[in-house]
Every structure is written in structure tokens, then in C-alpha cells.
Amino acid sequence: QALARTREEVPHAISVEVDEVADGRVRAFLYVETESQKGILVGKGGRMIKEIGSQARPEIERLLGRAVFLELSVKVRPKWRRDEMLLERLGI
């Protein structure tokens, strides 16, 4: 949903890591390379990240077969696309 919502502004610089799935809670990190990309993803007053979560939650609930609390955090990690350890952890 992050890619769809930000269209051409950030897509190639976003990756998502699901950190935890437990007790009806899903925690995920969205990695970007710059503070400006983070600002786009978070949006004014957190509006964009809330919209991303609202769009993603039903899909996750369908996959898991239960209601979930979705916690999204945006992290800036400069040059993450060149970080071999992170890429391996993300399965890229």
C-alpha cells in the first residue's frame, strides 16, 4: 500500500520489514533512504501513514484470518539498498 499511495514520489526507495506478528498485533517497519522520503510517507499530521495502514490492515486480516492491530513505523536508513545484511534480512 505504501507504494500505491506514494505513486512516483518514493516507491523504489521503500522496503517493508514485518518485525512481529503476535497476539493480534502486527508491527512493521518501512525503510526509506532520506528524511524527505520519510516526510512523504508519514504525511502531514501522520495522514499518509495512517492511510497506508488503513488500506493494508484489511489485506493482512484476510491473510491471517483475524482482526489485527497494525503498527507501522518509518525508519530512515541511508543507502539501505546497498546494505547486504539488511537486503538479506528483507529477502531481497
PDB file of N, CA and C in Angstrom:
ATOM      1  N   GLN A   1       0.818  -1.195   0.000  1.00  0.00           N
ATOM      2  CA  GLN A   1       0.000   0.000   0.000  1.00  0.00           C
ATOM      3  C   GLN A   1       0.862   1.259   0.000  1.00  0.00           C
ATOM      4  N   ALA A   2       2.042   1.176   0.622  1.00  0.00           N
ATOM      5  CA  ALA A   2       2.932   2.343   0.636  1.00  0.00           C
ATOM      6  C   ALA A   2       3.333   2.722  -0.779  1.00  0.00           C
ATOM      7  N   LEU A   3       3.614   1.731  -1.597  1.00  0.00           N
ATOM      8  CA  LEU A   3       3.999   2.002  -2.979  1.00  0.00           C
ATOM      9  C   LEU A   3       2.845   2.622  -3.751  1.00  0.00           C
ATOM     10  N   ALA A   4       1.658   2.089  -3.567  1.00  0.00           N
ATOM     11  CA  ALA A   4       0.486   2.596  -4.278  1.00  0.00           C
ATOM     12  C   ALA A   4       0.150   4.021  -3.839  1.00  0.00           C
ATOM     13  N   ARG A   5       0.268   4.298  -2.558  1.00  0.00           N
ATOM     14  CA  ARG A   5      -0.112   5.599  -2.027  1.00  0.00           C
ATOM     15  C   ARG A   5       0.871   6.707  -2.387  1.00  0.00           C
ATOM     16  N   THR A   6       2.154   6.380  -2.497  1.00  0.00           N
ATOM     17  CA  THR A   6       3.140   7.430  -2.772  1.00  0.00           C
ATOM     18  C   THR A   6       3.465   7.538  -4.250  1.00  0.00           C
ATOM     19  N   ARG A   7       2.853   6.697  -5.047  1.00  0.00           N
ATOM     20  CA  ARG A   7       2.991   6.683  -6.504  1.00  0.00           C
ATOM     21  C   ARG A   7       4.439   6.805  -6.939  1.00  0.00           C
ATOM     22  N   GLU A   8       4.780   7.877  -7.604  1.00  0.00           N
ATOM     23  CA  GLU A   8       6.123   8.021  -8.157  1.00  0.00           C
ATOM     24  C   GLU A   8       7.070   8.795  -7.240  1.00  0.00           C
ATOM     25  N   GLU A   9       6.601   9.186  -6.079  1.00  0.00           N
ATOM     26  CA  GLU A   9       7.416  10.025  -5.209  1.00  0.00           C
ATOM     27  C   GLU A   9       8.538   9.261  -4.508  1.00  0.00           C
ATOM     28  N   VAL A  10       8.263   8.033  -4.046  1.00  0.00           N
ATOM     29  CA  VAL A  10       9.216   7.307  -3.219  1.00  0.00           C
ATOM     30  C   VAL A  10       9.413   5.839  -3.605  1.00  0.00           C
ATOM     31  N   PRO A  11       8.561   5.198  -4.369  1.00  0.00           N
ATOM     32  CA  PRO A  11       8.491   3.742  -4.489  1.00  0.00           C
ATOM     33  C   PRO A  11       9.767   2.924  -4.502  1.00  0.00           C
ATOM     34  N   HIS A  12      10.745   3.324  -5.292  1.00  0.00           N
ATOM     35  CA  HIS A  12      11.935   2.480  -5.399  1.00  0.00           C
ATOM     36  C   HIS A  12      12.806   2.541  -4.160  1.00  0.00           C
ATOM     37  N   ALA A  13      12.511   3.431  -3.253  1.00  0.00           N
ATOM     38  CA  ALA A  13      13.325   3.574  -2.054  1.00  0.00           C
ATOM     39  C   ALA A  13      12.602   3.082  -0.807  1.00  0.00           C
ATOM     40  N   ILE A  14      11.533   2.297  -0.971  1.00  0.00           N
ATOM     41  CA  ILE A  14      10.782   1.778   0.175  1.00  0.00           C
ATOM     42  C   ILE A  14      10.938   0.269   0.252  1.00  0.00           C
ATOM     43  N   SER A  15      11.139  -0.201   1.478  1.00  0.00           N
ATOM     44  CA  SER A  15      11.055  -1.634   1.731  1.00  0.00           C
ATOM     45  C   SER A  15      10.327  -1.810   3.054  1.00  0.00           C
ATOM     46  N   VAL A  16       9.646  -2.929   3.195  1.00  0.00           N
ATOM     47  CA  VAL A  16       8.881  -3.191   4.407  1.00  0.00           C
ATOM     48  C   VAL A  16       9.436  -4.433   5.082  1.00  0.00           C
ATOM     49  N   GLU A  17       9.643  -4.330   6.386  1.00  0.00           N
ATOM     50  CA  GLU A  17      10.074  -5.475   7.184  1.00  0.00           C
ATOM     51  C   GLU A  17       9.025  -5.715   8.259  1.00  0.00           C
ATOM     52  N   VAL A  18       8.426  -6.890   8.253  1.00  0.00           N
ATOM     53  CA  VAL A  18       7.491  -7.251   9.315  1.00  0.00           C
ATOM     54  C   VAL A  18       8.342  -7.715  10.485  1.00  0.00           C
ATOM     55  N   ASP A  19       8.264  -6.994  11.575  1.00  0.00           N
ATOM     56  CA  ASP A  19       9.105  -7.253  12.737  1.00  0.00           C
ATOM     57  C   ASP A  19       8.469  -8.250  13.696  1.00  0.00           C
ATOM     58  N   GLU A  20       7.141  -8.169  13.836  1.00  0.00           N
ATOM     59  CA  GLU A  20       6.474  -9.029  14.816  1.00  0.00           C
ATOM     60  C   GLU A  20       5.032  -9.294  14.398  1.00  0.00           C
ATOM     61  N   VAL A  21       4.616 -10.532  14.568  1.00  0.00           N
ATOM     62  CA  VAL A  21       3.221 -10.921  14.388  1.00  0.00           C
ATOM     63  C   VAL A  21       2.882 -11.773  15.597  1.00  0.00           C
ATOM     64  N   ALA A  22       2.109 -11.209  16.528  1.00  0.00           N
ATOM     65  CA  ALA A  22       1.778 -11.942  17.749  1.00  0.00           C
ATOM     66  C   ALA A  22       0.548 -11.340  18.408  1.00  0.00           C
ATOM     67  N   ASP A  23      -0.286 -12.217  18.950  1.00  0.00           N
ATOM     68  CA  ASP A  23      -1.449 -11.794  19.736  1.00  0.00           C
ATOM     69  C   ASP A  23      -2.288 -10.718  19.051  1.00  0.00           C
ATOM     70  N   GLY A  24      -2.563 -10.892  17.776  1.00  0.00           N
ATOM     71  CA  GLY A  24      -3.401  -9.943  17.057  1.00  0.00           C
ATOM     72  C   GLY A  24      -2.716  -8.622  16.762  1.00  0.00           C
ATOM     73  N   ARG A  25      -1.413  -8.621  16.858  1.00  0.00           N
ATOM     74  CA  ARG A  25      -0.642  -7.396  16.630  1.00  0.00           C
ATOM     75  C   ARG A  25       0.389  -7.657  15.542  1.00  0.00           C
ATOM     76  N   VAL A  26       0.482  -6.738  14.593  1.00  0.00           N
ATOM     77  CA  VAL A  26       1.491  -6.822  13.537  1.00  0.00           C
ATOM     78  C   VAL A  26       2.286  -5.523  13.578  1.00  0.00           C
ATOM     79  N   ARG A  27       3.606  -5.673  13.740  1.00  0.00           N
ATOM     80  CA  ARG A  27       4.475  -4.495  13.744  1.00  0.00           C
ATOM     81  C   ARG A  27       5.379  -4.574  12.523  1.00  0.00           C
ATOM     82  N   ALA A  28       5.410  -3.484  11.756  1.00  0.00           N
ATOM     83  CA  ALA A  28       6.221  -3.460  10.540  1.00  0.00           C
ATOM     84  C   ALA A  28       6.966  -2.136  10.432  1.00  0.00           C
ATOM     85  N   PHE A  29       8.155  -2.225   9.830  1.00  0.00           N
ATOM     86  CA  PHE A  29       8.976  -1.047   9.587  1.00  0.00           C
ATOM     87  C   PHE A  29       9.023  -0.780   8.094  1.00  0.00           C
ATOM     88  N   LEU A  30       8.845   0.462   7.723  1.00  0.00           N
ATOM     89  CA  LEU A  30       9.003   0.887   6.338  1.00  0.00           C
ATOM     90  C   LEU A  30      10.328   1.630   6.271  1.00  0.00           C
ATOM     91  N   TYR A  31      11.262   1.109   5.485  1.00  0.00           N
ATOM     92  CA  TYR A  31      12.576   1.724   5.351  1.00  0.00           C
ATOM     93  C   TYR A  31      12.612   2.645   4.141  1.00  0.00           C
ATOM     94  N   VAL A  32      13.160   3.832   4.347  1.00  0.00           N
ATOM     95  CA  VAL A  32      13.408   4.782   3.266  1.00  0.00           C
ATOM     96  C   VAL A  32      14.846   5.269   3.411  1.00  0.00           C
ATOM     97  N   GLU A  33      15.337   5.979   2.404  1.00  0.00           N
ATOM     98  CA  GLU A  33      16.734   6.406   2.426  1.00  0.00           C
ATOM     99  C   GLU A  33      16.962   7.833   2.905  1.00  0.00           C
ATOM    100  N   THR A  34      15.932   8.672   2.872  1.00  0.00           N
ATOM    101  CA  THR A  34      16.132  10.075   3.251  1.00  0.00           C
ATOM    102  C   THR A  34      15.004  10.574   4.151  1.00  0.00           C
ATOM    103  N   GLU A  35      15.309  11.632   4.878  1.00  0.00           N
ATOM    104  CA  GLU A  35      14.295  12.267   5.731  1.00  0.00           C
ATOM    105  C   GLU A  35      13.135  12.798   4.892  1.00  0.00           C
ATOM    106  N   SER A  36      13.431  13.286   3.682  1.00  0.00           N
ATOM    107  CA  SER A  36      12.351  13.817   2.846  1.00  0.00           C
ATOM    108  C   SER A  36      11.403  12.696   2.423  1.00  0.00           C
ATOM    109  N   GLN A  37      11.948  11.503   2.149  1.00  0.00           N
ATOM    110  CA  GLN A  37      11.088  10.358   1.817  1.00  0.00           C
ATOM    111  C   GLN A  37      10.247   9.966   3.024  1.00  0.00           C
ATOM    112  N   LYS A  38      10.845  10.027   4.207  1.00  0.00           N
ATOM    113  CA  LYS A  38      10.098   9.729   5.431  1.00  0.00           C
ATOM    114  C   LYS A  38       8.944  10.715   5.580  1.00  0.00           C
ATOM    115  N   GLY A  39       9.227  11.986   5.318  1.00  0.00           N
ATOM    116  CA  GLY A  39       8.187  13.003   5.408  1.00  0.00           C
ATOM    117  C   GLY A  39       7.029  12.728   4.465  1.00  0.00           C
ATOM    118  N   ILE A  40       7.339  12.251   3.266  1.00  0.00           N
ATOM    119  CA  ILE A  40       6.290  11.913   2.300  1.00  0.00           C
ATOM    120  C   ILE A  40       5.458  10.748   2.821  1.00  0.00           C
ATOM    121  N   LEU A  41       6.125   9.707   3.351  1.00  0.00           N
ATOM    122  CA  LEU A  41       5.398   8.534   3.845  1.00  0.00           C
ATOM    123  C   LEU A  41       4.553   8.842   5.071  1.00  0.00           C
ATOM    124  N   VAL A  42       5.096   9.640   5.975  1.00  0.00           N
ATOM    125  CA  VAL A  42       4.345   9.984   7.179  1.00  0.00           C
ATOM    126  C   VAL A  42       3.210  10.938   6.820  1.00  0.00           C
ATOM    127  N   GLY A  43       3.513  11.916   5.986  1.00  0.00           N
ATOM    128  CA  GLY A  43       2.494  12.870   5.569  1.00  0.00           C
ATOM    129  C   GLY A  43       2.191  13.902   6.637  1.00  0.00           C
ATOM    130  N   LYS A  44       1.471  14.917   6.248  1.00  0.00           N
ATOM    131  CA  LYS A  44       1.118  15.996   7.167  1.00  0.00           C
ATOM    132  C   LYS A  44       0.249  15.451   8.294  1.00  0.00           C
ATOM    133  N   GLY A  45       0.724  15.632   9.511  1.00  0.00           N
ATOM    134  CA  GLY A  45      -0.025  15.161  10.666  1.00  0.00           C
ATOM    135  C   GLY A  45      -0.163  13.648  10.734  1.00  0.00           C
ATOM    136  N   GLY A  46       0.695  12.923  10.013  1.00  0.00           N
ATOM    137  CA  GLY A  46       0.624  11.461  10.016  1.00  0.00           C
ATOM    138  C   GLY A  46      -0.458  10.898   9.116  1.00  0.00           C
ATOM    139  N   ARG A  47      -1.039  11.759   8.297  1.00  0.00           N
ATOM    140  CA  ARG A  47      -2.169  11.360   7.462  1.00  0.00           C
ATOM    141  C   ARG A  47      -1.830  10.230   6.481  1.00  0.00           C
ATOM    142  N   MET A  48      -0.667  10.300   5.824  1.00  0.00           N
ATOM    143  CA  MET A  48      -0.311   9.303   4.815  1.00  0.00           C
ATOM    144  C   MET A  48      -0.056   7.936   5.446  1.00  0.00           C
ATOM    145  N   ILE A  49       0.706   7.881   6.538  1.00  0.00           N
ATOM    146  CA  ILE A  49       0.998   6.587   7.161  1.00  0.00           C
ATOM    147  C   ILE A  49      -0.284   5.962   7.712  1.00  0.00           C
ATOM    148  N   LYS A  50      -1.187   6.797   8.191  1.00  0.00           N
ATOM    149  CA  LYS A  50      -2.475   6.290   8.671  1.00  0.00           C
ATOM    150  C   LYS A  50      -3.267   5.693   7.508  1.00  0.00           C
ATOM    151  N   GLU A  51      -3.264   6.369   6.380  1.00  0.00           N
ATOM    152  CA  GLU A  51      -3.973   5.880   5.198  1.00  0.00           C
ATOM    153  C   GLU A  51      -3.356   4.572   4.691  1.00  0.00           C
ATOM    154  N   ILE A  52      -2.029   4.501   4.695  1.00  0.00           N
ATOM    155  CA  ILE A  52      -1.341   3.272   4.285  1.00  0.00           C
ATOM    156  C   ILE A  52      -1.763   2.127   5.193  1.00  0.00           C
ATOM    157  N   GLY A  53      -1.758   2.362   6.497  1.00  0.00           N
ATOM    158  CA  GLY A  53      -2.165   1.330   7.453  1.00  0.00           C
ATOM    159  C   GLY A  53      -3.617   0.927   7.286  1.00  0.00           C
ATOM    160  N   SER A  54      -4.476   1.892   7.062  1.00  0.00           N
ATOM    161  CA  SER A  54      -5.904   1.601   6.881  1.00  0.00           C
ATOM    162  C   SER A  54      -6.160   0.761   5.637  1.00  0.00           C
ATOM    163  N   GLN A  55      -5.372   0.988   4.594  1.00  0.00           N
ATOM    164  CA  GLN A  55      -5.524   0.206   3.367  1.00  0.00           C
ATOM    165  C   GLN A  55      -4.895  -1.179   3.500  1.00  0.00           C
ATOM    166  N   ALA A  56      -3.795  -1.280   4.232  1.00  0.00           N
ATOM    167  CA  ALA A  56      -3.083  -2.558   4.367  1.00  0.00           C
ATOM    168  C   ALA A  56      -3.751  -3.495   5.368  1.00  0.00           C
ATOM    169  N   ARG A  57      -4.345  -2.951   6.420  1.00  0.00           N
ATOM    170  CA  ARG A  57      -4.906  -3.769   7.504  1.00  0.00           C
ATOM    171  C   ARG A  57      -5.908  -4.813   7.014  1.00  0.00           C
ATOM    172  N   PRO A  58      -6.889  -4.476   6.179  1.00  0.00           N
ATOM    173  CA  PRO A  58      -7.846  -5.499   5.730  1.00  0.00           C
ATOM    174  C   PRO A  58      -7.174  -6.644   4.965  1.00  0.00           C
ATOM    175  N   GLU A  59      -6.156  -6.323   4.190  1.00  0.00           N
ATOM    176  CA  GLU A  59      -5.445  -7.372   3.455  1.00  0.00           C
ATOM    177  C   GLU A  59      -4.716  -8.303   4.415  1.00  0.00           C
ATOM    178  N   ILE A  60      -4.092  -7.728   5.432  1.00  0.00           N
ATOM    179  CA  ILE A  60      -3.375  -8.528   6.428  1.00  0.00           C
ATOM    180  C   ILE A  60      -4.365  -9.375   7.219  1.00  0.00           C
ATOM    181  N   GLU A  61      -5.486  -8.787   7.601  1.00  0.00           N
ATOM    182  CA  GLU A  61      -6.502  -9.535   8.348  1.00  0.00           C
ATOM    183  C   GLU A  61      -7.057 -10.688   7.521  1.00  0.00           C
ATOM    184  N   ARG A  62      -7.221 -10.470   6.240  1.00  0.00           N
ATOM    185  CA  ARG A  62      -7.696 -11.544   5.367  1.00  0.00           C
ATOM    186  C   ARG A  62      -6.671 -12.675   5.317  1.00  0.00           C
ATOM    187  N   LEU A  63      -5.400 -12.323   5.195  1.00  0.00           N
ATOM    188  CA  LEU A  63      -4.339 -13.331   5.146  1.00  0.00           C
ATOM    189  C   LEU A  63      -4.225 -14.114   6.453  1.00  0.00           C
ATOM    190  N   LEU A  64      -4.375 -13.416   7.578  1.00  0.00           N
ATOM    191  CA  LEU A  64      -4.220 -14.062   8.880  1.00  0.00           C
ATOM    192  C   LEU A  64      -5.520 -14.661   9.406  1.00  0.00           C
ATOM    193  N   GLY A  65      -6.642 -14.263   8.821  1.00  0.00           N
ATOM    194  CA  GLY A  65      -7.930 -14.793   9.258  1.00  0.00           C
ATOM    195  C   GLY A  65      -8.389 -14.274  10.603  1.00  0.00           C
ATOM    196  N   ARG A  66      -7.932 -13.092  10.978  1.00  0.00           N
ATOM    197  CA  ARG A  66      -8.345 -12.489  12.254  1.00  0.00           C
ATOM    198  C   ARG A  66      -8.081 -10.994  12.241  1.00  0.00           C
ATOM    199  N   ALA A  67      -8.721 -10.292  13.160  1.00  0.00           N
ATOM    200  CA  ALA A  67      -8.504  -8.854  13.292  1.00  0.00           C
ATOM    201  C   ALA A  67      -7.105  -8.611  13.856  1.00  0.00           C
ATOM    202  N   VAL A  68      -6.470  -7.546  13.404  1.00  0.00           N
ATOM    203  CA  VAL A  68      -5.134  -7.219  13.898  1.00  0.00           C
ATOM    204  C   VAL A  68      -5.017  -5.732  14.187  1.00  0.00           C
ATOM    205  N   PHE A  69      -4.112  -5.421  15.093  1.00  0.00           N
ATOM    206  CA  PHE A  69      -3.680  -4.049  15.316  1.00  0.00           C
ATOM    207  C   PHE A  69      -2.402  -3.906  14.513  1.00  0.00           C
ATOM    208  N   LEU A  70      -2.374  -2.995  13.562  1.00  0.00           N
ATOM    209  CA  LEU A  70      -1.223  -2.806  12.694  1.00  0.00           C
ATOM    210  C   LEU A  70      -0.445  -1.579  13.139  1.00  0.00           C
ATOM    211  N   GLU A  71       0.789  -1.801  13.523  1.00  0.00           N
ATOM    212  CA  GLU A  71       1.672  -0.716  13.953  1.00  0.00           C
ATOM    213  C   GLU A  71       2.743  -0.515  12.883  1.00  0.00           C
ATOM    214  N   LEU A  72       2.740   0.647  12.267  1.00  0.00           N
ATOM    215  CA  LEU A  72       3.716   0.957  11.224  1.00  0.00           C
ATOM    216  C   LEU A  72       4.665   2.046  11.707  1.00  0.00           C
ATOM    217  N   SER A  73       5.947   1.859  11.436  1.00  0.00           N
ATOM    218  CA  SER A  73       6.958   2.866  11.750  1.00  0.00           C
ATOM    219  C   SER A  73       7.808   3.085  10.510  1.00  0.00           C
ATOM    220  N   VAL A  74       8.165   4.334  10.267  1.00  0.00           N
ATOM    221  CA  VAL A  74       9.023   4.656   9.132  1.00  0.00           C
ATOM    222  C   VAL A  74      10.423   4.933   9.669  1.00  0.00           C
ATOM    223  N   LYS A  75      11.405   4.236   9.112  1.00  0.00           N
ATOM    224  CA  LYS A  75      12.792   4.406   9.538  1.00  0.00           C
ATOM    225  C   LYS A  75      13.637   4.877   8.359  1.00  0.00           C
ATOM    226  N   VAL A  76      14.485   5.858   8.637  1.00  0.00           N
ATOM    227  CA  VAL A  76      15.427   6.327   7.624  1.00  0.00           C
ATOM    228  C   VAL A  76      16.698   5.500   7.766  1.00  0.00           C
ATOM    229  N   ARG A  77      17.074   4.880   6.684  1.00  0.00           N
ATOM    230  CA  ARG A  77      18.313   4.094   6.651  1.00  0.00           C
ATOM    231  C   ARG A  77      19.027   4.448   5.348  1.00  0.00           C
ATOM    232  N   PRO A  78      19.932   5.438   5.407  1.00  0.00           N
ATOM    233  CA  PRO A  78      20.618   5.871   4.194  1.00  0.00           C
ATOM    234  C   PRO A  78      21.274   4.699   3.461  1.00  0.00           C
ATOM    235  N   LYS A  79      21.095   4.693   2.173  1.00  0.00           N
ATOM    236  CA  LYS A  79      21.693   3.679   1.295  1.00  0.00           C
ATOM    237  C   LYS A  79      21.322   2.249   1.690  1.00  0.00           C
ATOM    238  N   TRP A  80      20.118   2.038   2.224  1.00  0.00           N
ATOM    239  CA  TRP A  80      19.732   0.684   2.652  1.00  0.00           C
ATOM    240  C   TRP A  80      19.767  -0.301   1.497  1.00  0.00           C
ATOM    241  N   ARG A  81      19.579   0.189   0.285  1.00  0.00           N
ATOM    242  CA  ARG A  81      19.575  -0.720  -0.869  1.00  0.00           C
ATOM    243  C   ARG A  81      20.965  -1.272  -1.178  1.00  0.00           C
ATOM    244  N   ARG A  82      21.975  -0.742  -0.514  1.00  0.00           N
ATOM    245  CA  ARG A  82      23.345  -1.251  -0.683  1.00  0.00           C
ATOM    246  C   ARG A  82      23.813  -2.029   0.547  1.00  0.00           C
ATOM    247  N   ASP A  83      22.965  -2.142   1.553  1.00  0.00           N
ATOM    248  CA  ASP A  83      23.307  -2.834   2.802  1.00  0.00           C
ATOM    249  C   ASP A  83      23.000  -4.324   2.641  1.00  0.00           C
ATOM    250  N   GLU A  84      24.030  -5.113   2.379  1.00  0.00           N
ATOM    251  CA  GLU A  84      23.852  -6.543   2.097  1.00  0.00           C
ATOM    252  C   GLU A  84      23.144  -7.286   3.229  1.00  0.00           C
ATOM    253  N   MET A  85      23.485  -6.954   4.478  1.00  0.00           N
ATOM    254  CA  MET A  85      22.849  -7.643   5.612  1.00  0.00           C
ATOM    255  C   MET A  85      21.355  -7.340   5.668  1.00  0.00           C
ATOM    256  N   LEU A  86      20.999  -6.080   5.486  1.00  0.00           N
ATOM    257  CA  LEU A  86      19.587  -5.711   5.506  1.00  0.00           C
ATOM    258  C   LEU A  86      18.852  -6.338   4.329  1.00  0.00           C
ATOM    259  N   LEU A  87      19.442  -6.305   3.159  1.00  0.00           N
ATOM    260  CA  LEU A  87      18.804  -6.902   1.981  1.00  0.00           C
ATOM    261  C   LEU A  87      18.551  -8.389   2.191  1.00  0.00           C
ATOM    262  N   GLU A  88      19.505  -9.067   2.800  1.00  0.00           N
ATOM    263  CA  GLU A  88      19.326 -10.495   3.081  1.00  0.00           C
ATOM    264  C   GLU A  88      18.194 -10.704   4.076  1.00  0.00           C
ATOM    265  N   ARG A  89      18.158  -9.874   5.129  1.00  0.00           N
ATOM    266  CA  ARG A  89      17.099  -9.981   6.140  1.00  0.00           C
ATOM    267  C   ARG A  89      15.720  -9.704   5.542  1.00  0.00           C
ATOM    268  N   LEU A  90      15.671  -8.790   4.568  1.00  0.00           N
ATOM    269  CA  LEU A  90      14.407  -8.450   3.920  1.00  0.00           C
ATOM    270  C   LEU A  90      14.034  -9.445   2.825  1.00  0.00           C
ATOM    271  N   GLY A  91      14.951 -10.338   2.512  1.00  0.00           N
ATOM    272  CA  GLY A  91      14.681 -11.330   1.469  1.00  0.00           C
ATOM    273  C   GLY A  91      14.767 -10.760   0.065  1.00  0.00           C
ATOM    274  N   ILE A  92      15.581  -9.733  -0.084  1.00  0.00           N
ATOM    275  CA  ILE A  92      15.722  -9.077  -1.392  1.00  0.00           C
ATOM    276  C   ILE A  92      17.016  -9.529  -2.045  1.00  0.00           C
TER     277      ILE A  92
END
